[in-house]
Amino acid sequence: VTIRYRDTMEQKRVKIEELRDIIKQEVDVKTWLMKM
């Protein structure tokens, strides 16, 4: 599958098996705070 980051329009191809972990990481509050 392809993930597209809406703010940067960057696209990344990932295996469907990895999708759950990637989404979990992206919506995690700790990850958001570290990016700030």
PDB file of N, CA and C in Angstrom:
ATOM      1  N   VAL A   1       0.841  -1.184   0.000  1.00  0.00           N
ATOM      2  CA  VAL A   1       0.000   0.000   0.000  1.00  0.00           C
ATOM      3  C   VAL A   1       0.881   1.242   0.000  1.00  0.00           C
ATOM      4  N   THR A   2       0.281   2.355  -0.347  1.00  0.00           N
ATOM      5  CA  THR A   2       0.995   3.625  -0.352  1.00  0.00           C
ATOM      6  C   THR A   2       0.394   4.536   0.705  1.00  0.00           C
ATOM      7  N   ILE A   3       1.257   5.099   1.522  1.00  0.00           N
ATOM      8  CA  ILE A   3       0.833   6.073   2.526  1.00  0.00           C
ATOM      9  C   ILE A   3       1.233   7.445   2.008  1.00  0.00           C
ATOM     10  N   ARG A   4       0.330   8.403   2.097  1.00  0.00           N
ATOM     11  CA  ARG A   4       0.665   9.772   1.690  1.00  0.00           C
ATOM     12  C   ARG A   4       0.434  10.685   2.878  1.00  0.00           C
ATOM     13  N   TYR A   5       1.464  11.460   3.187  1.00  0.00           N
ATOM     14  CA  TYR A   5       1.368  12.443   4.261  1.00  0.00           C
ATOM     15  C   TYR A   5       0.753  13.702   3.675  1.00  0.00           C
ATOM     16  N   ARG A   6      -0.409  14.071   4.167  1.00  0.00           N
ATOM     17  CA  ARG A   6      -1.174  15.152   3.542  1.00  0.00           C
ATOM     18  C   ARG A   6      -0.483  16.508   3.616  1.00  0.00           C
ATOM     19  N   ASP A   7       0.282  16.767   4.668  1.00  0.00           N
ATOM     20  CA  ASP A   7       0.915  18.076   4.811  1.00  0.00           C
ATOM     21  C   ASP A   7       2.089  18.262   3.853  1.00  0.00           C
ATOM     22  N   THR A   8       2.838  17.200   3.611  1.00  0.00           N
ATOM     23  CA  THR A   8       4.020  17.305   2.754  1.00  0.00           C
ATOM     24  C   THR A   8       3.811  16.661   1.389  1.00  0.00           C
ATOM     25  N   MET A   9       2.730  15.913   1.252  1.00  0.00           N
ATOM     26  CA  MET A   9       2.433  15.154   0.030  1.00  0.00           C
ATOM     27  C   MET A   9       3.485  14.074  -0.239  1.00  0.00           C
ATOM     28  N   GLU A  10       4.316  13.778   0.742  1.00  0.00           N
ATOM     29  CA  GLU A  10       5.293  12.700   0.622  1.00  0.00           C
ATOM     30  C   GLU A  10       4.548  11.370   0.575  1.00  0.00           C
ATOM     31  N   GLN A  11       5.035  10.457  -0.251  1.00  0.00           N
ATOM     32  CA  GLN A  11       4.418   9.142  -0.363  1.00  0.00           C
ATOM     33  C   GLN A  11       5.436   8.075   0.000  1.00  0.00           C
ATOM     34  N   LYS A  12       4.942   7.034   0.646  1.00  0.00           N
ATOM     35  CA  LYS A  12       5.816   5.944   1.059  1.00  0.00           C
ATOM     36  C   LYS A  12       5.098   4.620   0.806  1.00  0.00           C
ATOM     37  N   ARG A  13       5.787   3.699   0.137  1.00  0.00           N
ATOM     38  CA  ARG A  13       5.225   2.360  -0.087  1.00  0.00           C
ATOM     39  C   ARG A  13       5.615   1.477   1.094  1.00  0.00           C
ATOM     40  N   VAL A  14       4.632   0.776   1.639  1.00  0.00           N
ATOM     41  CA  VAL A  14       4.880  -0.107   2.777  1.00  0.00           C
ATOM     42  C   VAL A  14       4.162  -1.432   2.562  1.00  0.00           C
ATOM     43  N   LYS A  15       4.662  -2.437   3.219  1.00  0.00           N
ATOM     44  CA  LYS A  15       3.998  -3.739   3.176  1.00  0.00           C
ATOM     45  C   LYS A  15       2.731  -3.660   4.019  1.00  0.00           C
ATOM     46  N   ILE A  16       1.712  -4.326   3.576  1.00  0.00           N
ATOM     47  CA  ILE A  16       0.435  -4.278   4.289  1.00  0.00           C
ATOM     48  C   ILE A  16       0.584  -4.819   5.717  1.00  0.00           C
ATOM     49  N   GLU A  17       1.501  -5.742   5.920  1.00  0.00           N
ATOM     50  CA  GLU A  17       1.727  -6.294   7.255  1.00  0.00           C
ATOM     51  C   GLU A  17       2.279  -5.241   8.216  1.00  0.00           C
ATOM     52  N   GLU A  18       2.948  -4.228   7.693  1.00  0.00           N
ATOM     53  CA  GLU A  18       3.553  -3.180   8.524  1.00  0.00           C
ATOM     54  C   GLU A  18       2.602  -2.017   8.787  1.00  0.00           C
ATOM     55  N   LEU A  19       1.490  -2.008   8.103  1.00  0.00           N
ATOM     56  CA  LEU A  19       0.590  -0.857   8.149  1.00  0.00           C
ATOM     57  C   LEU A  19       0.076  -0.552   9.554  1.00  0.00           C
ATOM     58  N   ARG A  20      -0.345  -1.553  10.270  1.00  0.00           N
ATOM     59  CA  ARG A  20      -0.877  -1.346  11.623  1.00  0.00           C
ATOM     60  C   ARG A  20       0.153  -0.667  12.526  1.00  0.00           C
ATOM     61  N   ASP A  21       1.398  -1.138  12.507  1.00  0.00           N
ATOM     62  CA  ASP A  21       2.440  -0.551  13.355  1.00  0.00           C
ATOM     63  C   ASP A  21       2.748   0.884  12.945  1.00  0.00           C
ATOM     64  N   ILE A  22       2.754   1.158  11.662  1.00  0.00           N
ATOM     65  CA  ILE A  22       3.039   2.507  11.172  1.00  0.00           C
ATOM     66  C   ILE A  22       1.941   3.471  11.603  1.00  0.00           C
ATOM     67  N   ILE A  23       0.701   3.066  11.454  1.00  0.00           N
ATOM     68  CA  ILE A  23      -0.413   3.930  11.861  1.00  0.00           C
ATOM     69  C   ILE A  23      -0.376   4.156  13.367  1.00  0.00           C
ATOM     70  N   LYS A  24      -0.131   3.099  14.108  1.00  0.00           N
ATOM     71  CA  LYS A  24      -0.045   3.209  15.571  1.00  0.00           C
ATOM     72  C   LYS A  24       1.036   4.215  15.976  1.00  0.00           C
ATOM     73  N   GLN A  25       2.168   4.161  15.326  1.00  0.00           N
ATOM     74  CA  GLN A  25       3.267   5.072  15.627  1.00  0.00           C
ATOM     75  C   GLN A  25       2.911   6.511  15.244  1.00  0.00           C
ATOM     76  N   GLU A  26       2.286   6.695  14.114  1.00  0.00           N
ATOM     77  CA  GLU A  26       1.963   8.041  13.630  1.00  0.00           C
ATOM     78  C   GLU A  26       0.927   8.752  14.488  1.00  0.00           C
ATOM     79  N   VAL A  27       0.024   8.021  15.095  1.00  0.00           N
ATOM     80  CA  VAL A  27      -1.013   8.658  15.906  1.00  0.00           C
ATOM     81  C   VAL A  27      -0.661   8.695  17.390  1.00  0.00           C
ATOM     82  N   ASP A  28       0.485   8.169  17.743  1.00  0.00           N
ATOM     83  CA  ASP A  28       0.927   8.162  19.131  1.00  0.00           C
ATOM     84  C   ASP A  28       1.307   9.578  19.577  1.00  0.00           C
ATOM     85  N   VAL A  29       0.827   9.979  20.736  1.00  0.00           N
ATOM     86  CA  VAL A  29       1.076  11.330  21.254  1.00  0.00           C
ATOM     87  C   VAL A  29       2.568  11.567  21.482  1.00  0.00           C
ATOM     88  N   LYS A  30       3.282  10.580  21.966  1.00  0.00           N
ATOM     89  CA  LYS A  30       4.726  10.732  22.201  1.00  0.00           C
ATOM     90  C   LYS A  30       5.450  11.090  20.909  1.00  0.00           C
ATOM     91  N   THR A  31       5.076  10.430  19.832  1.00  0.00           N
ATOM     92  CA  THR A  31       5.698  10.703  18.538  1.00  0.00           C
ATOM     93  C   THR A  31       5.422  12.139  18.117  1.00  0.00           C
ATOM     94  N   TRP A  32       4.194  12.593  18.303  1.00  0.00           N
ATOM     95  CA  TRP A  32       3.833  13.972  17.946  1.00  0.00           C
ATOM     96  C   TRP A  32       4.645  14.972  18.748  1.00  0.00           C
ATOM     97  N   LEU A  33       4.775  14.722  20.042  1.00  0.00           N
ATOM     98  CA  LEU A  33       5.501  15.656  20.902  1.00  0.00           C
ATOM     99  C   LEU A  33       6.987  15.700  20.551  1.00  0.00           C
ATOM    100  N   MET A  34       7.548  14.582  20.174  1.00  0.00           N
ATOM    101  CA  MET A  34       8.966  14.544  19.812  1.00  0.00           C
ATOM    102  C   MET A  34       9.234  15.313  18.526  1.00  0.00           C
ATOM    103  N   LYS A  35       8.248  15.410  17.641  1.00  0.00           N
ATOM    104  CA  LYS A  35       8.422  16.130  16.382  1.00  0.00           C
ATOM    105  C   LYS A  35       8.365  17.641  16.580  1.00  0.00           C
ATOM    106  N   MET A  36       7.838  18.064  17.703  1.00  0.00           N
ATOM    107  CA  MET A  36       7.674  19.506  17.942  1.00  0.00           C
ATOM    108  C   MET A  36       8.956  20.148  18.400  1.00  0.00           C
TER     109      MET A  36
END
